[in-house]
Amino acid sequence: MTENNAAPTPDSLDNLSYEEAREQLVAVVGRLEAGGASLEESLALWERGEALAKRCEDWLEGARQRLATAREANNDGGAAAGSH
């Protein structure tokens, strides 16, 4: 699992699904909680975790926006149908 130690590149994170990013974040947190890593490794893990957390937040925000758009479209459609 050395990939989790590597500094994240925008491309590597952009291609992750929400589930993949969340699973990697859980793994990073587990490694940090287990301790035993050098300061350098801990910092790299922390940075990776921060990037993964941001990726998850971006996915969730996108889902919130899609839900809001769908609700607005549904409400607009319902109002238009009721006025005819």
PDB file of N, CA and C in Angstrom:
ATOM      1  N   MET A   1       0.828  -1.186   0.000  1.00  0.00           N
ATOM      2  CA  MET A   1       0.000   0.000   0.000  1.00  0.00           C
ATOM      3  C   MET A   1       0.866   1.241   0.000  1.00  0.00           C
ATOM      4  N   THR A   2       1.953   1.212  -0.721  1.00  0.00           N
ATOM      5  CA  THR A   2       2.847   2.356  -0.776  1.00  0.00           C
ATOM      6  C   THR A   2       2.249   3.507  -1.543  1.00  0.00           C
ATOM      7  N   GLU A   3       1.227   3.258  -2.356  1.00  0.00           N
ATOM      8  CA  GLU A   3       0.586   4.322  -3.116  1.00  0.00           C
ATOM      9  C   GLU A   3       0.012   5.390  -2.196  1.00  0.00           C
ATOM     10  N   ASN A   4      -0.455   5.006  -0.998  1.00  0.00           N
ATOM     11  CA  ASN A   4      -1.007   5.963  -0.063  1.00  0.00           C
ATOM     12  C   ASN A   4       0.053   6.908   0.491  1.00  0.00           C
ATOM     13  N   ASN A   5       1.315   6.513   0.417  1.00  0.00           N
ATOM     14  CA  ASN A   5       2.379   7.380   0.900  1.00  0.00           C
ATOM     15  C   ASN A   5       2.775   8.416  -0.126  1.00  0.00           C
ATOM     16  N   ALA A   6       2.468   8.169  -1.368  1.00  0.00           N
ATOM     17  CA  ALA A   6       2.864   9.088  -2.429  1.00  0.00           C
ATOM     18  C   ALA A   6       2.044  10.367  -2.336  1.00  0.00           C
ATOM     19  N   ALA A   7       2.686  11.470  -2.696  1.00  0.00           N
ATOM     20  CA  ALA A   7       1.961  12.731  -2.729  1.00  0.00           C
ATOM     21  C   ALA A   7       0.895  12.645  -3.815  1.00  0.00           C
ATOM     22  N   PRO A   8      -0.319  13.067  -3.486  1.00  0.00           N
ATOM     23  CA  PRO A   8      -1.380  12.952  -4.468  1.00  0.00           C
ATOM     24  C   PRO A   8      -1.193  13.936  -5.611  1.00  0.00           C
ATOM     25  N   THR A   9      -1.467  13.474  -6.784  1.00  0.00           N
ATOM     26  CA  THR A   9      -1.475  14.371  -7.928  1.00  0.00           C
ATOM     27  C   THR A   9      -2.922  14.656  -8.258  1.00  0.00           C
ATOM     28  N   PRO A  10      -3.215  15.814  -8.834  1.00  0.00           N
ATOM     29  CA  PRO A  10      -4.603  16.126  -9.159  1.00  0.00           C
ATOM     30  C   PRO A  10      -5.252  15.039 -10.016  1.00  0.00           C
ATOM     31  N   ASP A  11      -4.513  14.486 -10.976  1.00  0.00           N
ATOM     32  CA  ASP A  11      -5.073  13.459 -11.837  1.00  0.00           C
ATOM     33  C   ASP A  11      -5.439  12.214 -11.043  1.00  0.00           C
ATOM     34  N   SER A  12      -4.573  11.810 -10.117  1.00  0.00           N
ATOM     35  CA  SER A  12      -4.846  10.583  -9.378  1.00  0.00           C
ATOM     36  C   SER A  12      -6.092  10.731  -8.516  1.00  0.00           C
ATOM     37  N   LEU A  13      -6.341  11.902  -7.989  1.00  0.00           N
ATOM     38  CA  LEU A  13      -7.520  12.122  -7.163  1.00  0.00           C
ATOM     39  C   LEU A  13      -8.762  12.368  -8.006  1.00  0.00           C
ATOM     40  N   ASP A  14      -8.623  13.059  -9.121  1.00  0.00           N
ATOM     41  CA  ASP A  14      -9.774  13.361  -9.971  1.00  0.00           C
ATOM     42  C   ASP A  14     -10.413  12.107 -10.528  1.00  0.00           C
ATOM     43  N   ASN A  15      -9.645  11.043 -10.669  1.00  0.00           N
ATOM     44  CA  ASN A  15     -10.168   9.807 -11.239  1.00  0.00           C
ATOM     45  C   ASN A  15     -10.782   8.880 -10.205  1.00  0.00           C
ATOM     46  N   LEU A  16     -10.708   9.255  -8.924  1.00  0.00           N
ATOM     47  CA  LEU A  16     -11.261   8.405  -7.875  1.00  0.00           C
ATOM     48  C   LEU A  16     -12.762   8.630  -7.727  1.00  0.00           C
ATOM     49  N   SER A  17     -13.488   7.537  -7.579  1.00  0.00           N
ATOM     50  CA  SER A  17     -14.898   7.662  -7.229  1.00  0.00           C
ATOM     51  C   SER A  17     -14.972   8.058  -5.751  1.00  0.00           C
ATOM     52  N   TYR A  18     -16.166   8.430  -5.319  1.00  0.00           N
ATOM     53  CA  TYR A  18     -16.356   8.764  -3.906  1.00  0.00           C
ATOM     54  C   TYR A  18     -15.965   7.579  -3.025  1.00  0.00           C
ATOM     55  N   GLU A  19     -16.421   6.395  -3.407  1.00  0.00           N
ATOM     56  CA  GLU A  19     -16.154   5.201  -2.595  1.00  0.00           C
ATOM     57  C   GLU A  19     -14.665   4.897  -2.519  1.00  0.00           C
ATOM     58  N   GLU A  20     -13.959   5.028  -3.648  1.00  0.00           N
ATOM     59  CA  GLU A  20     -12.510   4.786  -3.662  1.00  0.00           C
ATOM     60  C   GLU A  20     -11.783   5.789  -2.778  1.00  0.00           C
ATOM     61  N   ALA A  21     -12.151   7.056  -2.889  1.00  0.00           N
ATOM     62  CA  ALA A  21     -11.512   8.093  -2.079  1.00  0.00           C
ATOM     63  C   ALA A  21     -11.783   7.857  -0.600  1.00  0.00           C
ATOM     64  N   ARG A  22     -13.010   7.498  -0.265  1.00  0.00           N
ATOM     65  CA  ARG A  22     -13.368   7.243   1.130  1.00  0.00           C
ATOM     66  C   ARG A  22     -12.605   6.049   1.683  1.00  0.00           C
ATOM     67  N   GLU A  23     -12.505   4.971   0.890  1.00  0.00           N
ATOM     68  CA  GLU A  23     -11.762   3.787   1.343  1.00  0.00           C
ATOM     69  C   GLU A  23     -10.290   4.120   1.576  1.00  0.00           C
ATOM     70  N   GLN A  24      -9.694   4.884   0.665  1.00  0.00           N
ATOM     71  CA  GLN A  24      -8.297   5.270   0.846  1.00  0.00           C
ATOM     72  C   GLN A  24      -8.137   6.172   2.067  1.00  0.00           C
ATOM     73  N   LEU A  25      -9.098   7.060   2.291  1.00  0.00           N
ATOM     74  CA  LEU A  25      -9.045   7.944   3.452  1.00  0.00           C
ATOM     75  C   LEU A  25      -9.118   7.132   4.743  1.00  0.00           C
ATOM     76  N   VAL A  26      -9.991   6.148   4.785  1.00  0.00           N
ATOM     77  CA  VAL A  26     -10.097   5.279   5.967  1.00  0.00           C
ATOM     78  C   VAL A  26      -8.766   4.565   6.209  1.00  0.00           C
ATOM     79  N   ALA A  27      -8.133   4.101   5.142  1.00  0.00           N
ATOM     80  CA  ALA A  27      -6.845   3.413   5.273  1.00  0.00           C
ATOM     81  C   ALA A  27      -5.767   4.365   5.800  1.00  0.00           C
ATOM     82  N   VAL A  28      -5.756   5.586   5.292  1.00  0.00           N
ATOM     83  CA  VAL A  28      -4.769   6.582   5.750  1.00  0.00           C
ATOM     84  C   VAL A  28      -4.977   6.873   7.231  1.00  0.00           C
ATOM     85  N   VAL A  29      -6.217   7.098   7.628  1.00  0.00           N
ATOM     86  CA  VAL A  29      -6.514   7.382   9.039  1.00  0.00           C
ATOM     87  C   VAL A  29      -6.084   6.203   9.919  1.00  0.00           C
ATOM     88  N   GLY A  30      -6.360   4.995   9.458  1.00  0.00           N
ATOM     89  CA  GLY A  30      -5.954   3.815  10.214  1.00  0.00           C
ATOM     90  C   GLY A  30      -4.451   3.742  10.405  1.00  0.00           C
ATOM     91  N   ARG A  31      -3.717   4.055   9.355  1.00  0.00           N
ATOM     92  CA  ARG A  31      -2.249   4.022   9.466  1.00  0.00           C
ATOM     93  C   ARG A  31      -1.749   5.105  10.409  1.00  0.00           C
ATOM     94  N   LEU A  32      -2.369   6.285  10.345  1.00  0.00           N
ATOM     95  CA  LEU A  32      -1.952   7.357  11.254  1.00  0.00           C
ATOM     96  C   LEU A  32      -2.279   7.000  12.703  1.00  0.00           C
ATOM     97  N   GLU A  33      -3.454   6.429  12.918  1.00  0.00           N
ATOM     98  CA  GLU A  33      -3.851   6.057  14.283  1.00  0.00           C
ATOM     99  C   GLU A  33      -2.993   4.935  14.845  1.00  0.00           C
ATOM    100  N   ALA A  34      -2.508   4.053  13.971  1.00  0.00           N
ATOM    101  CA  ALA A  34      -1.687   2.931  14.419  1.00  0.00           C
ATOM    102  C   ALA A  34      -0.336   3.409  14.945  1.00  0.00           C
ATOM    103  N   GLY A  35       0.102   4.556  14.465  1.00  0.00           N
ATOM    104  CA  GLY A  35       1.387   5.086  14.903  1.00  0.00           C
ATOM    105  C   GLY A  35       2.539   4.312  14.301  1.00  0.00           C
ATOM    106  N   GLY A  36       3.726   4.636  14.737  1.00  0.00           N
ATOM    107  CA  GLY A  36       4.914   3.927  14.277  1.00  0.00           C
ATOM    108  C   GLY A  36       5.530   4.490  13.006  1.00  0.00           C
ATOM    109  N   ALA A  37       4.861   5.421  12.365  1.00  0.00           N
ATOM    110  CA  ALA A  37       5.414   6.001  11.142  1.00  0.00           C
ATOM    111  C   ALA A  37       6.377   7.125  11.515  1.00  0.00           C
ATOM    112  N   SER A  38       7.345   7.338  10.659  1.00  0.00           N
ATOM    113  CA  SER A  38       8.271   8.447  10.871  1.00  0.00           C
ATOM    114  C   SER A  38       7.518   9.768  10.698  1.00  0.00           C
ATOM    115  N   LEU A  39       8.126  10.833  11.139  1.00  0.00           N
ATOM    116  CA  LEU A  39       7.508  12.148  10.989  1.00  0.00           C
ATOM    117  C   LEU A  39       7.259  12.450   9.516  1.00  0.00           C
ATOM    118  N   GLU A  40       8.240  12.169   8.680  1.00  0.00           N
ATOM    119  CA  GLU A  40       8.109  12.407   7.240  1.00  0.00           C
ATOM    120  C   GLU A  40       6.946  11.606   6.657  1.00  0.00           C
ATOM    121  N   GLU A  41       6.873  10.336   7.013  1.00  0.00           N
ATOM    122  CA  GLU A  41       5.798   9.481   6.513  1.00  0.00           C
ATOM    123  C   GLU A  41       4.450   9.946   7.050  1.00  0.00           C
ATOM    124  N   SER A  42       4.397  10.332   8.314  1.00  0.00           N
ATOM    125  CA  SER A  42       3.153  10.819   8.906  1.00  0.00           C
ATOM    126  C   SER A  42       2.664  12.077   8.206  1.00  0.00           C
ATOM    127  N   LEU A  43       3.582  12.977   7.885  1.00  0.00           N
ATOM    128  CA  LEU A  43       3.196  14.189   7.165  1.00  0.00           C
ATOM    129  C   LEU A  43       2.672  13.872   5.769  1.00  0.00           C
ATOM    130  N   ALA A  44       3.320  12.941   5.092  1.00  0.00           N
ATOM    131  CA  ALA A  44       2.862  12.541   3.764  1.00  0.00           C
ATOM    132  C   ALA A  44       1.471  11.904   3.853  1.00  0.00           C
ATOM    133  N   LEU A  45       1.253  11.072   4.862  1.00  0.00           N
ATOM    134  CA  LEU A  45      -0.057  10.464   5.057  1.00  0.00           C
ATOM    135  C   LEU A  45      -1.109  11.524   5.364  1.00  0.00           C
ATOM    136  N   TRP A  46      -0.745  12.477   6.205  1.00  0.00           N
ATOM    137  CA  TRP A  46      -1.678  13.554   6.559  1.00  0.00           C
ATOM    138  C   TRP A  46      -2.070  14.343   5.311  1.00  0.00           C
ATOM    139  N   GLU A  47      -1.082  14.693   4.490  1.00  0.00           N
ATOM    140  CA  GLU A  47      -1.362  15.445   3.259  1.00  0.00           C
ATOM    141  C   GLU A  47      -2.248  14.638   2.321  1.00  0.00           C
ATOM    142  N   ARG A  48      -1.969  13.357   2.212  1.00  0.00           N
ATOM    143  CA  ARG A  48      -2.796  12.487   1.371  1.00  0.00           C
ATOM    144  C   ARG A  48      -4.222  12.445   1.924  1.00  0.00           C
ATOM    145  N   GLY A  49      -4.340  12.319   3.227  1.00  0.00           N
ATOM    146  CA  GLY A  49      -5.661  12.298   3.857  1.00  0.00           C
ATOM    147  C   GLY A  49      -6.435  13.581   3.624  1.00  0.00           C
ATOM    148  N   GLU A  50      -5.757  14.712   3.731  1.00  0.00           N
ATOM    149  CA  GLU A  50      -6.407  16.005   3.474  1.00  0.00           C
ATOM    150  C   GLU A  50      -6.922  16.075   2.043  1.00  0.00           C
ATOM    151  N   ALA A  51      -6.106  15.634   1.095  1.00  0.00           N
ATOM    152  CA  ALA A  51      -6.501  15.660  -0.314  1.00  0.00           C
ATOM    153  C   ALA A  51      -7.676  14.713  -0.564  1.00  0.00           C
ATOM    154  N   LEU A  52      -7.644  13.540   0.062  1.00  0.00           N
ATOM    155  CA  LEU A  52      -8.741  12.590  -0.091  1.00  0.00           C
ATOM    156  C   LEU A  52     -10.028  13.120   0.534  1.00  0.00           C
ATOM    157  N   ALA A  53      -9.919  13.761   1.683  1.00  0.00           N
ATOM    158  CA  ALA A  53     -11.093  14.341   2.337  1.00  0.00           C
ATOM    159  C   ALA A  53     -11.705  15.427   1.456  1.00  0.00           C
ATOM    160  N   LYS A  54     -10.863  16.234   0.831  1.00  0.00           N
ATOM    161  CA  LYS A  54     -11.364  17.271  -0.073  1.00  0.00           C
ATOM    162  C   LYS A  54     -12.070  16.641  -1.266  1.00  0.00           C
ATOM    163  N   ARG A  55     -11.512  15.559  -1.789  1.00  0.00           N
ATOM    164  CA  ARG A  55     -12.138  14.862  -2.918  1.00  0.00           C
ATOM    165  C   ARG A  55     -13.519  14.351  -2.517  1.00  0.00           C
ATOM    166  N   CYS A  56     -13.631  13.785  -1.322  1.00  0.00           N
ATOM    167  CA  CYS A  56     -14.934  13.313  -0.845  1.00  0.00           C
ATOM    168  C   CYS A  56     -15.907  14.480  -0.697  1.00  0.00           C
ATOM    169  N   GLU A  57     -15.447  15.593  -0.137  1.00  0.00           N
ATOM    170  CA  GLU A  57     -16.301  16.772   0.006  1.00  0.00           C
ATOM    171  C   GLU A  57     -16.771  17.278  -1.351  1.00  0.00           C
ATOM    172  N   ASP A  58     -15.868  17.298  -2.328  1.00  0.00           N
ATOM    173  CA  ASP A  58     -16.240  17.741  -3.679  1.00  0.00           C
ATOM    174  C   ASP A  58     -17.327  16.846  -4.261  1.00  0.00           C
ATOM    175  N   TRP A  59     -17.191  15.536  -4.074  1.00  0.00           N
ATOM    176  CA  TRP A  59     -18.211  14.599  -4.561  1.00  0.00           C
ATOM    177  C   TRP A  59     -19.548  14.870  -3.878  1.00  0.00           C
ATOM    178  N   LEU A  60     -19.520  15.039  -2.563  1.00  0.00           N
ATOM    179  CA  LEU A  60     -20.752  15.275  -1.817  1.00  0.00           C
ATOM    180  C   LEU A  60     -21.403  16.598  -2.215  1.00  0.00           C
ATOM    181  N   GLU A  61     -20.609  17.621  -2.425  1.00  0.00           N
ATOM    182  CA  GLU A  61     -21.150  18.911  -2.845  1.00  0.00           C
ATOM    183  C   GLU A  61     -21.799  18.792  -4.222  1.00  0.00           C
ATOM    184  N   GLY A  62     -21.162  18.053  -5.110  1.00  0.00           N
ATOM    185  CA  GLY A  62     -21.745  17.825  -6.431  1.00  0.00           C
ATOM    186  C   GLY A  62     -23.081  17.100  -6.320  1.00  0.00           C
ATOM    187  N   ALA A  63     -23.160  16.124  -5.431  1.00  0.00           N
ATOM    188  CA  ALA A  63     -24.416  15.395  -5.224  1.00  0.00           C
ATOM    189  C   ALA A  63     -25.487  16.322  -4.668  1.00  0.00           C
ATOM    190  N   ARG A  64     -25.112  17.196  -3.730  1.00  0.00           N
ATOM    191  CA  ARG A  64     -26.074  18.155  -3.170  1.00  0.00           C
ATOM    192  C   ARG A  64     -26.612  19.071  -4.263  1.00  0.00           C
ATOM    193  N   GLN A  65     -25.719  19.529  -5.129  1.00  0.00           N
ATOM    194  CA  GLN A  65     -26.140  20.418  -6.212  1.00  0.00           C
ATOM    195  C   GLN A  65     -27.078  19.704  -7.180  1.00  0.00           C
ATOM    196  N   ARG A  66     -26.769  18.458  -7.514  1.00  0.00           N
ATOM    197  CA  ARG A  66     -27.641  17.698  -8.418  1.00  0.00           C
ATOM    198  C   ARG A  66     -29.012  17.470  -7.784  1.00  0.00           C
ATOM    199  N   LEU A  67     -29.039  17.199  -6.480  1.00  0.00           N
ATOM    200  CA  LEU A  67     -30.313  17.029  -5.781  1.00  0.00           C
ATOM    201  C   LEU A  67     -31.123  18.320  -5.799  1.00  0.00           C
ATOM    202  N   ALA A  68     -30.471  19.434  -5.527  1.00  0.00           N
ATOM    203  CA  ALA A  68     -31.162  20.720  -5.528  1.00  0.00           C
ATOM    204  C   ALA A  68     -31.723  21.033  -6.912  1.00  0.00           C
ATOM    205  N   THR A  69     -30.943  20.756  -7.949  1.00  0.00           N
ATOM    206  CA  THR A  69     -31.396  20.987  -9.315  1.00  0.00           C
ATOM    207  C   THR A  69     -32.596  20.105  -9.645  1.00  0.00           C
ATOM    208  N   ALA A  70     -32.526  18.834  -9.233  1.00  0.00           N
ATOM    209  CA  ALA A  70     -33.629  17.913  -9.489  1.00  0.00           C
ATOM    210  C   ALA A  70     -34.887  18.346  -8.742  1.00  0.00           C
ATOM    211  N   ARG A  71     -34.733  18.797  -7.516  1.00  0.00           N
ATOM    212  CA  ARG A  71     -35.891  19.264  -6.741  1.00  0.00           C
ATOM    213  C   ARG A  71     -36.513  20.499  -7.379  1.00  0.00           C
ATOM    214  N   GLU A  72     -35.663  21.435  -7.827  1.00  0.00           N
ATOM    215  CA  GLU A  72     -36.178  22.639  -8.479  1.00  0.00           C
ATOM    216  C   GLU A  72     -36.929  22.276  -9.753  1.00  0.00           C
ATOM    217  N   ALA A  73     -36.365  21.366 -10.538  1.00  0.00           N
ATOM    218  CA  ALA A  73     -37.018  20.951 -11.781  1.00  0.00           C
ATOM    219  C   ALA A  73     -38.344  20.270 -11.464  1.00  0.00           C
ATOM    220  N   ASN A  74     -38.370  19.459 -10.418  1.00  0.00           N
ATOM    221  CA  ASN A  74     -39.594  18.776 -10.025  1.00  0.00           C
ATOM    222  C   ASN A  74     -40.647  19.779  -9.557  1.00  0.00           C
ATOM    223  N   ASN A  75     -40.233  20.747  -8.773  1.00  0.00           N
ATOM    224  CA  ASN A  75     -41.161  21.768  -8.282  1.00  0.00           C
ATOM    225  C   ASN A  75     -41.677  22.642  -9.421  1.00  0.00           C
ATOM    226  N   ASP A  76     -40.803  23.005 -10.340  1.00  0.00           N
ATOM    227  CA  ASP A  76     -41.216  23.816 -11.492  1.00  0.00           C
ATOM    228  C   ASP A  76     -42.179  23.034 -12.370  1.00  0.00           C
ATOM    229  N   GLY A  77     -41.908  21.770 -12.563  1.00  0.00           N
ATOM    230  CA  GLY A  77     -42.778  20.920 -13.370  1.00  0.00           C
ATOM    231  C   GLY A  77     -44.137  20.742 -12.730  1.00  0.00           C
ATOM    232  N   GLY A  78     -44.148  20.584 -11.415  1.00  0.00           N
ATOM    233  CA  GLY A  78     -45.409  20.417 -10.695  1.00  0.00           C
ATOM    234  C   GLY A  78     -46.244  21.672 -10.726  1.00  0.00           C
ATOM    235  N   ALA A  79     -45.617  22.832 -10.592  1.00  0.00           N
ATOM    236  CA  ALA A  79     -46.348  24.088 -10.628  1.00  0.00           C
ATOM    237  C   ALA A  79     -46.895  24.347 -12.020  1.00  0.00           C
ATOM    238  N   ALA A  80     -46.105  24.022 -13.034  1.00  0.00           N
ATOM    239  CA  ALA A  80     -46.551  24.249 -14.403  1.00  0.00           C
ATOM    240  C   ALA A  80     -47.708  23.310 -14.741  1.00  0.00           C
ATOM    241  N   ALA A  81     -47.642  22.082 -14.275  1.00  0.00           N
ATOM    242  CA  ALA A  81     -48.699  21.111 -14.573  1.00  0.00           C
ATOM    243  C   ALA A  81     -49.994  21.515 -13.852  1.00  0.00           C
ATOM    244  N   GLY A  82     -49.872  22.069 -12.658  1.00  0.00           N
ATOM    245  CA  GLY A  82     -51.057  22.461 -11.909  1.00  0.00           C
ATOM    246  C   GLY A  82     -51.745  23.692 -12.465  1.00  0.00           C
ATOM    247  N   SER A  83     -51.031  24.503 -13.233  1.00  0.00           N
ATOM    248  CA  SER A  83     -51.609  25.743 -13.734  1.00  0.00           C
ATOM    249  C   SER A  83     -52.314  25.545 -15.077  1.00  0.00           C
ATOM    250  N   HIS A  84     -52.249  24.367 -15.655  1.00  0.00           N
ATOM    251  CA  HIS A  84     -52.896  24.128 -16.961  1.00  0.00           C
ATOM    252  C   HIS A  84     -54.253  23.578 -16.812  1.00  0.00           C
TER     253      HIS A  84
END
